[in-house]
Amino acid sequence: MTPQAPFIVLPKGAGSQVWPVNLFRGLKDGRLTRTIVAKDWKLKQRKPVRHKKIRGLIERLTEPMGLEVDLSATFLEQAEYGPWSLLIVDKSPLAMEVLSDEGGERIAFPTLRGCLAWKPEMKWCEVDHGAIPFLLNGADCMAAGIHSACESIEEGDLIWIRDQEHGKPLAIGWAMMSADDMVAATSGKAVKSIHYVGDELWELEL
């Protein structure tokens, strides 16, 4: 059944996820528009894995985010997709591994779908309505749009960005400032985006 106003459903790939229309205030006719550069990415090396074989990955994923997630009874797979090494949980890409912004350490982090499913309590910053259309087109997050942030964020951390009013995840990226600095700053780039609602990973269908 199609949701009635004031709700909209994101286009292809968003499943039944319903988002409040006022997240997109200021967009023409309340419609979400975005520019996606098509990439010829395919899911590669997809294989089932046992929980105990990736226990270390799960710990690196959950502990820094304050997550309490039991994956022992789920069907787990790993695969490569573009720049991401994915952890697929019951046929949904809920986590990823990426190289740190300096190209060294591999960081485990929820995807945006993982943030929706698990609702992490750490490593977030919140933005106002004015920032949302830019983030959903893949832009980096400017400090001027950030109103609050998890106190644990340090420069170089991988973090997720949510909207201030509803707490919906919008994008994931590398923090270019500490939490205090990104909240206090009125100019400059605060988060370098690597994954956002509407990109290839969000649209991935398994």
C-alpha atoms as a PDB file:
ATOM      1  CA  MET A   1       0.000   0.000   0.000  1.00  0.00           C
ATOM      2  CA  THR A   2       1.371   3.414  -0.934  1.00  0.00           C
ATOM      3  CA  PRO A   3       2.006   5.611   2.129  1.00  0.00           C
ATOM      4  CA  GLN A   4      -0.025   8.804   2.335  1.00  0.00           C
ATOM      5  CA  ALA A   5       1.456  12.250   2.902  1.00  0.00           C
ATOM      6  CA  PRO A   6       3.447  13.345   4.800  1.00  0.00           C
ATOM      7  CA  PHE A   7       5.542  10.306   3.836  1.00  0.00           C
ATOM      8  CA  ILE A   8       7.405   9.255   0.725  1.00  0.00           C
ATOM      9  CA  VAL A   9       9.107   6.021  -0.225  1.00  0.00           C
ATOM     10  CA  LEU A  10      12.604   6.209  -1.631  1.00  0.00           C
ATOM     11  CA  PRO A  11      12.955   4.961  -5.204  1.00  0.00           C
ATOM     12  CA  LYS A  12      14.289   1.596  -6.387  1.00  0.00           C
ATOM     13  CA  GLY A  13      16.373  -0.282  -3.853  1.00  0.00           C
ATOM     14  CA  ALA A  14      14.867   1.263  -0.748  1.00  0.00           C
ATOM     15  CA  GLY A  15      12.373  -1.578  -0.265  1.00  0.00           C
ATOM     16  CA  SER A  16       9.564  -0.660   2.095  1.00  0.00           C
ATOM     17  CA  GLN A  17      11.606   1.907   3.997  1.00  0.00           C
ATOM     18  CA  VAL A  18       9.383   4.945   4.576  1.00  0.00           C
ATOM     19  CA  TRP A  19      10.945   8.350   5.221  1.00  0.00           C
ATOM     20  CA  PRO A  20       9.172  11.496   6.479  1.00  0.00           C
ATOM     21  CA  VAL A  21       8.705  13.867   3.573  1.00  0.00           C
ATOM     22  CA  ASN A  22       9.905  16.848   5.587  1.00  0.00           C
ATOM     23  CA  LEU A  23      13.387  15.347   5.471  1.00  0.00           C
ATOM     24  CA  PHE A  24      13.374  16.648   1.919  1.00  0.00           C
ATOM     25  CA  ARG A  25      11.891  20.070   2.622  1.00  0.00           C
ATOM     26  CA  GLY A  26      12.851  22.499  -0.101  1.00  0.00           C
ATOM     27  CA  LEU A  27      12.996  19.894  -2.863  1.00  0.00           C
ATOM     28  CA  LYS A  28      10.613  20.443  -5.749  1.00  0.00           C
ATOM     29  CA  ASP A  29       7.207  18.818  -5.129  1.00  0.00           C
ATOM     30  CA  GLY A  30       8.695  16.894  -2.198  1.00  0.00           C
ATOM     31  CA  ARG A  31      10.485  14.575  -4.607  1.00  0.00           C
ATOM     32  CA  LEU A  32      13.951  13.235  -3.934  1.00  0.00           C
ATOM     33  CA  THR A  33      16.319  14.019  -6.774  1.00  0.00           C
ATOM     34  CA  ARG A  34      19.932  12.986  -6.954  1.00  0.00           C
ATOM     35  CA  THR A  35      22.775  12.516  -9.373  1.00  0.00           C
ATOM     36  CA  ILE A  36      24.402   9.087  -9.453  1.00  0.00           C
ATOM     37  CA  VAL A  37      27.428   8.338 -11.582  1.00  0.00           C
ATOM     38  CA  ALA A  38      26.860   4.828 -12.893  1.00  0.00           C
ATOM     39  CA  LYS A  39      29.713   2.416 -12.204  1.00  0.00           C
ATOM     40  CA  ASP A  40      30.121  -1.011 -13.721  1.00  0.00           C
ATOM     41  CA  TRP A  41      30.462  -2.780 -10.384  1.00  0.00           C
ATOM     42  CA  LYS A  42      29.508  -6.392  -9.844  1.00  0.00           C
ATOM     43  CA  LEU A  43      29.310  -8.463  -6.693  1.00  0.00           C
ATOM     44  CA  LYS A  44      32.426 -10.645  -6.604  1.00  0.00           C
ATOM     45  CA  GLN A  45      33.780 -13.496  -4.496  1.00  0.00           C
ATOM     46  CA  ARG A  46      30.472 -13.991  -2.704  1.00  0.00           C
ATOM     47  CA  LYS A  47      30.709 -16.901  -0.288  1.00  0.00           C
ATOM     48  CA  PRO A  48      29.029 -18.114   2.912  1.00  0.00           C
ATOM     49  CA  VAL A  49      31.051 -17.828   6.108  1.00  0.00           C
ATOM     50  CA  ARG A  50      30.705 -19.307   9.564  1.00  0.00           C
ATOM     51  CA  HIS A  51      30.187 -17.023  12.526  1.00  0.00           C
ATOM     52  CA  LYS A  52      33.269 -18.247  14.375  1.00  0.00           C
ATOM     53  CA  LYS A  53      35.477 -17.623  11.327  1.00  0.00           C
ATOM     54  CA  ILE A  54      34.694 -13.900  11.351  1.00  0.00           C
ATOM     55  CA  ARG A  55      34.410 -13.346  15.093  1.00  0.00           C
ATOM     56  CA  GLY A  56      37.260 -10.839  14.953  1.00  0.00           C
ATOM     57  CA  LEU A  57      35.527  -8.852  12.211  1.00  0.00           C
ATOM     58  CA  ILE A  58      32.292  -8.810  14.188  1.00  0.00           C
ATOM     59  CA  GLU A  59      34.118  -7.537  17.279  1.00  0.00           C
ATOM     60  CA  ARG A  60      35.805  -4.771  15.258  1.00  0.00           C
ATOM     61  CA  LEU A  61      32.391  -3.853  13.893  1.00  0.00           C
ATOM     62  CA  THR A  62      30.357  -3.853  17.087  1.00  0.00           C
ATOM     63  CA  GLU A  63      32.624  -2.739  19.934  1.00  0.00           C
ATOM     64  CA  PRO A  64      33.614   0.754  18.679  1.00  0.00           C
ATOM     65  CA  MET A  65      29.969   1.450  17.796  1.00  0.00           C
ATOM     66  CA  GLY A  66      28.483   0.301  21.092  1.00  0.00           C
ATOM     67  CA  LEU A  67      26.443  -2.333  19.248  1.00  0.00           C
ATOM     68  CA  GLU A  68      24.940  -5.400  20.882  1.00  0.00           C
ATOM     69  CA  VAL A  69      24.204  -7.605  17.886  1.00  0.00           C
ATOM     70  CA  ASP A  70      23.861 -11.391  17.929  1.00  0.00           C
ATOM     71  CA  LEU A  71      24.669 -12.775  14.481  1.00  0.00           C
ATOM     72  CA  SER A  72      25.161 -16.383  15.571  1.00  0.00           C
ATOM     73  CA  ALA A  73      21.814 -17.555  14.170  1.00  0.00           C
ATOM     74  CA  THR A  74      21.978 -15.587  10.905  1.00  0.00           C
ATOM     75  CA  PHE A  75      23.100 -16.629   7.425  1.00  0.00           C
ATOM     76  CA  LEU A  76      26.376 -14.799   6.850  1.00  0.00           C
ATOM     77  CA  GLU A  77      28.191 -14.144   3.586  1.00  0.00           C
ATOM     78  CA  GLN A  78      31.130 -12.048   2.484  1.00  0.00           C
ATOM     79  CA  ALA A  79      31.610 -10.425  -0.912  1.00  0.00           C
ATOM     80  CA  GLU A  80      33.508  -7.692  -2.725  1.00  0.00           C
ATOM     81  CA  TYR A  81      31.606  -4.817  -4.315  1.00  0.00           C
ATOM     82  CA  GLY A  82      33.460  -1.839  -5.746  1.00  0.00           C
ATOM     83  CA  PRO A  83      35.672  -0.416  -2.965  1.00  0.00           C
ATOM     84  CA  TRP A  84      33.760  -2.277  -0.248  1.00  0.00           C
ATOM     85  CA  SER A  85      34.268  -5.671   1.357  1.00  0.00           C
ATOM     86  CA  LEU A  86      30.757  -6.532   2.478  1.00  0.00           C
ATOM     87  CA  LEU A  87      29.321  -8.586   5.302  1.00  0.00           C
ATOM     88  CA  ILE A  88      25.934  -9.811   4.106  1.00  0.00           C
ATOM     89  CA  VAL A  89      23.486 -10.799   6.842  1.00  0.00           C
ATOM     90  CA  ASP A  90      20.444 -12.798   5.752  1.00  0.00           C
ATOM     91  CA  LYS A  91      20.929 -11.460   2.198  1.00  0.00           C
ATOM     92  CA  SER A  92      21.200  -7.816   3.234  1.00  0.00           C
ATOM     93  CA  PRO A  93      24.538  -5.913   3.093  1.00  0.00           C
ATOM     94  CA  LEU A  94      24.631  -4.643   6.672  1.00  0.00           C
ATOM     95  CA  ALA A  95      28.349  -4.073   7.209  1.00  0.00           C
ATOM     96  CA  MET A  96      31.472  -3.230   5.258  1.00  0.00           C
ATOM     97  CA  GLU A  97      35.223  -3.069   5.555  1.00  0.00           C
ATOM     98  CA  VAL A  98      37.078  -0.162   3.982  1.00  0.00           C
ATOM     99  CA  LEU A  99      40.656   1.030   4.036  1.00  0.00           C
ATOM    100  CA  SER A 100      41.278   3.956   6.338  1.00  0.00           C
ATOM    101  CA  ASP A 101      41.463   7.358   4.686  1.00  0.00           C
ATOM    102  CA  GLU A 102      45.240   7.098   4.883  1.00  0.00           C
ATOM    103  CA  GLY A 103      45.121   3.760   3.043  1.00  0.00           C
ATOM    104  CA  GLY A 104      46.372   1.534   5.849  1.00  0.00           C
ATOM    105  CA  GLU A 105      44.100  -0.045   8.462  1.00  0.00           C
ATOM    106  CA  ARG A 106      40.915  -1.856   7.426  1.00  0.00           C
ATOM    107  CA  ILE A 107      37.928  -0.405   9.271  1.00  0.00           C
ATOM    108  CA  ALA A 108      34.715  -2.367   9.893  1.00  0.00           C
ATOM    109  CA  PHE A 109      31.545  -0.275   9.952  1.00  0.00           C
ATOM    110  CA  PRO A 110      27.787  -0.694   9.398  1.00  0.00           C
ATOM    111  CA  THR A 111      26.456   0.256   5.988  1.00  0.00           C
ATOM    112  CA  LEU A 112      23.523   2.662   5.958  1.00  0.00           C
ATOM    113  CA  ARG A 113      21.221  -0.359   5.920  1.00  0.00           C
ATOM    114  CA  GLY A 114      23.165  -1.648   8.911  1.00  0.00           C
ATOM    115  CA  CYS A 115      22.613   1.668  10.682  1.00  0.00           C
ATOM    116  CA  LEU A 116      18.886   1.365   9.980  1.00  0.00           C
ATOM    117  CA  ALA A 117      18.814  -2.194  11.303  1.00  0.00           C
ATOM    118  CA  TRP A 118      21.093  -1.844  14.329  1.00  0.00           C
ATOM    119  CA  LYS A 119      20.697   1.822  15.341  1.00  0.00           C
ATOM    120  CA  PRO A 120      24.259   2.403  16.610  1.00  0.00           C
ATOM    121  CA  GLU A 121      24.622   4.806  19.513  1.00  0.00           C
ATOM    122  CA  MET A 122      28.125   6.059  18.718  1.00  0.00           C
ATOM    123  CA  LYS A 123      30.144   7.736  15.939  1.00  0.00           C
ATOM    124  CA  TRP A 124      27.285   9.901  14.616  1.00  0.00           C
ATOM    125  CA  CYS A 125      26.767  13.535  13.773  1.00  0.00           C
ATOM    126  CA  GLU A 126      23.454  15.281  13.146  1.00  0.00           C
ATOM    127  CA  VAL A 127      22.657  17.736  10.366  1.00  0.00           C
ATOM    128  CA  ASP A 128      19.845  20.188   9.703  1.00  0.00           C
ATOM    129  CA  HIS A 129      17.366  20.085   6.806  1.00  0.00           C
ATOM    130  CA  GLY A 130      19.477  22.357   4.651  1.00  0.00           C
ATOM    131  CA  ALA A 131      22.293  19.798   4.425  1.00  0.00           C
ATOM    132  CA  ILE A 132      20.145  16.814   3.457  1.00  0.00           C
ATOM    133  CA  PRO A 133      19.680  17.402  -0.312  1.00  0.00           C
ATOM    134  CA  PHE A 134      23.434  17.839  -0.741  1.00  0.00           C
ATOM    135  CA  LEU A 135      24.279  14.688   1.228  1.00  0.00           C
ATOM    136  CA  LEU A 136      21.779  12.653  -0.798  1.00  0.00           C
ATOM    137  CA  ASN A 137      23.567  13.760  -3.955  1.00  0.00           C
ATOM    138  CA  GLY A 138      26.882  12.468  -2.606  1.00  0.00           C
ATOM    139  CA  ALA A 139      28.362  15.762  -1.407  1.00  0.00           C
ATOM    140  CA  ASP A 140      30.738  15.928   1.532  1.00  0.00           C
ATOM    141  CA  CYS A 141      29.275  17.280   4.767  1.00  0.00           C
ATOM    142  CA  MET A 142      30.082  20.873   5.638  1.00  0.00           C
ATOM    143  CA  ALA A 143      30.537  21.880   9.267  1.00  0.00           C
ATOM    144  CA  ALA A 144      27.951  24.649   8.987  1.00  0.00           C
ATOM    145  CA  GLY A 145      25.151  22.072   8.727  1.00  0.00           C
ATOM    146  CA  ILE A 146      26.177  20.021  11.777  1.00  0.00           C
ATOM    147  CA  HIS A 147      24.328  20.739  15.019  1.00  0.00           C
ATOM    148  CA  SER A 148      25.566  17.966  17.307  1.00  0.00           C
ATOM    149  CA  ALA A 149      27.943  15.009  17.278  1.00  0.00           C
ATOM    150  CA  CYS A 150      28.966  12.001  19.346  1.00  0.00           C
ATOM    151  CA  GLU A 151      31.676  13.144  21.759  1.00  0.00           C
ATOM    152  CA  SER A 152      33.904  10.167  20.894  1.00  0.00           C
ATOM    153  CA  ILE A 153      34.521  11.342  17.308  1.00  0.00           C
ATOM    154  CA  GLU A 154      38.110  12.208  16.481  1.00  0.00           C
ATOM    155  CA  GLU A 155      39.601  13.404  13.217  1.00  0.00           C
ATOM    156  CA  GLY A 156      40.093  10.394  10.927  1.00  0.00           C
ATOM    157  CA  ASP A 157      37.232   8.317  12.377  1.00  0.00           C
ATOM    158  CA  LEU A 158      34.655   6.703  10.130  1.00  0.00           C
ATOM    159  CA  ILE A 159      31.266   8.079  11.206  1.00  0.00           C
ATOM    160  CA  TRP A 160      27.622   8.122  10.140  1.00  0.00           C
ATOM    161  CA  ILE A 161      25.509  11.183   9.490  1.00  0.00           C
ATOM    162  CA  ARG A 162      21.850  11.354  10.504  1.00  0.00           C
ATOM    163  CA  ASP A 163      19.130  13.957  10.227  1.00  0.00           C
ATOM    164  CA  GLN A 164      18.582  16.057  13.309  1.00  0.00           C
ATOM    165  CA  GLU A 165      14.823  15.660  13.579  1.00  0.00           C
ATOM    166  CA  HIS A 166      14.210  11.972  12.870  1.00  0.00           C
ATOM    167  CA  GLY A 167      17.595  10.321  13.367  1.00  0.00           C
ATOM    168  CA  LYS A 168      17.522   8.656   9.936  1.00  0.00           C
ATOM    169  CA  PRO A 169      20.949   7.719   8.516  1.00  0.00           C
ATOM    170  CA  LEU A 170      21.901   9.743   5.456  1.00  0.00           C
ATOM    171  CA  ALA A 171      25.576   9.118   4.749  1.00  0.00           C
ATOM    172  CA  ILE A 172      28.818   7.630   6.038  1.00  0.00           C
ATOM    173  CA  GLY A 173      32.218   9.234   5.771  1.00  0.00           C
ATOM    174  CA  TRP A 174      35.586  10.134   7.265  1.00  0.00           C
ATOM    175  CA  ALA A 175      35.605  12.778   9.981  1.00  0.00           C
ATOM    176  CA  MET A 176      37.870  15.663   9.035  1.00  0.00           C
ATOM    177  CA  MET A 177      37.408  17.320  12.429  1.00  0.00           C
ATOM    178  CA  SER A 178      36.856  16.234  16.014  1.00  0.00           C
ATOM    179  CA  ALA A 179      33.318  16.279  17.417  1.00  0.00           C
ATOM    180  CA  ASP A 180      33.867  19.585  19.222  1.00  0.00           C
ATOM    181  CA  ASP A 181      35.376  21.235  16.168  1.00  0.00           C
ATOM    182  CA  MET A 182      32.674  20.139  13.718  1.00  0.00           C
ATOM    183  CA  VAL A 183      29.929  21.433  16.009  1.00  0.00           C
ATOM    184  CA  ALA A 184      31.689  24.729  16.698  1.00  0.00           C
ATOM    185  CA  ALA A 185      32.885  25.459  13.156  1.00  0.00           C
ATOM    186  CA  THR A 186      30.801  27.651  10.860  1.00  0.00           C
ATOM    187  CA  SER A 187      32.714  26.846   7.685  1.00  0.00           C
ATOM    188  CA  GLY A 188      34.869  24.137   6.172  1.00  0.00           C
ATOM    189  CA  LYS A 189      34.416  20.469   5.314  1.00  0.00           C
ATOM    190  CA  ALA A 190      33.676  18.231   8.307  1.00  0.00           C
ATOM    191  CA  VAL A 191      33.017  14.778   6.801  1.00  0.00           C
ATOM    192  CA  LYS A 192      34.313  13.252   3.561  1.00  0.00           C
ATOM    193  CA  SER A 193      31.451  11.096   2.252  1.00  0.00           C
ATOM    194  CA  ILE A 194      32.019   7.517   1.036  1.00  0.00           C
ATOM    195  CA  HIS A 195      28.464   6.069   1.145  1.00  0.00           C
ATOM    196  CA  TYR A 196      25.076   7.781   0.979  1.00  0.00           C
ATOM    197  CA  VAL A 197      21.393   6.997   0.519  1.00  0.00           C
ATOM    198  CA  GLY A 198      20.884   6.404  -3.198  1.00  0.00           C
ATOM    199  CA  ASP A 199      24.418   5.361  -4.143  1.00  0.00           C
ATOM    200  CA  GLU A 200      25.448   2.034  -5.682  1.00  0.00           C
ATOM    201  CA  LEU A 201      25.773   0.259  -2.348  1.00  0.00           C
ATOM    202  CA  TRP A 202      22.373   1.499  -1.164  1.00  0.00           C
ATOM    203  CA  GLU A 203      20.815   0.357  -4.457  1.00  0.00           C
ATOM    204  CA  LEU A 204      22.498  -3.066  -4.381  1.00  0.00           C
ATOM    205  CA  GLU A 205      19.915  -5.832  -4.714  1.00  0.00           C
ATOM    206  CA  LEU A 206      20.829  -9.358  -3.577  1.00  0.00           C
END
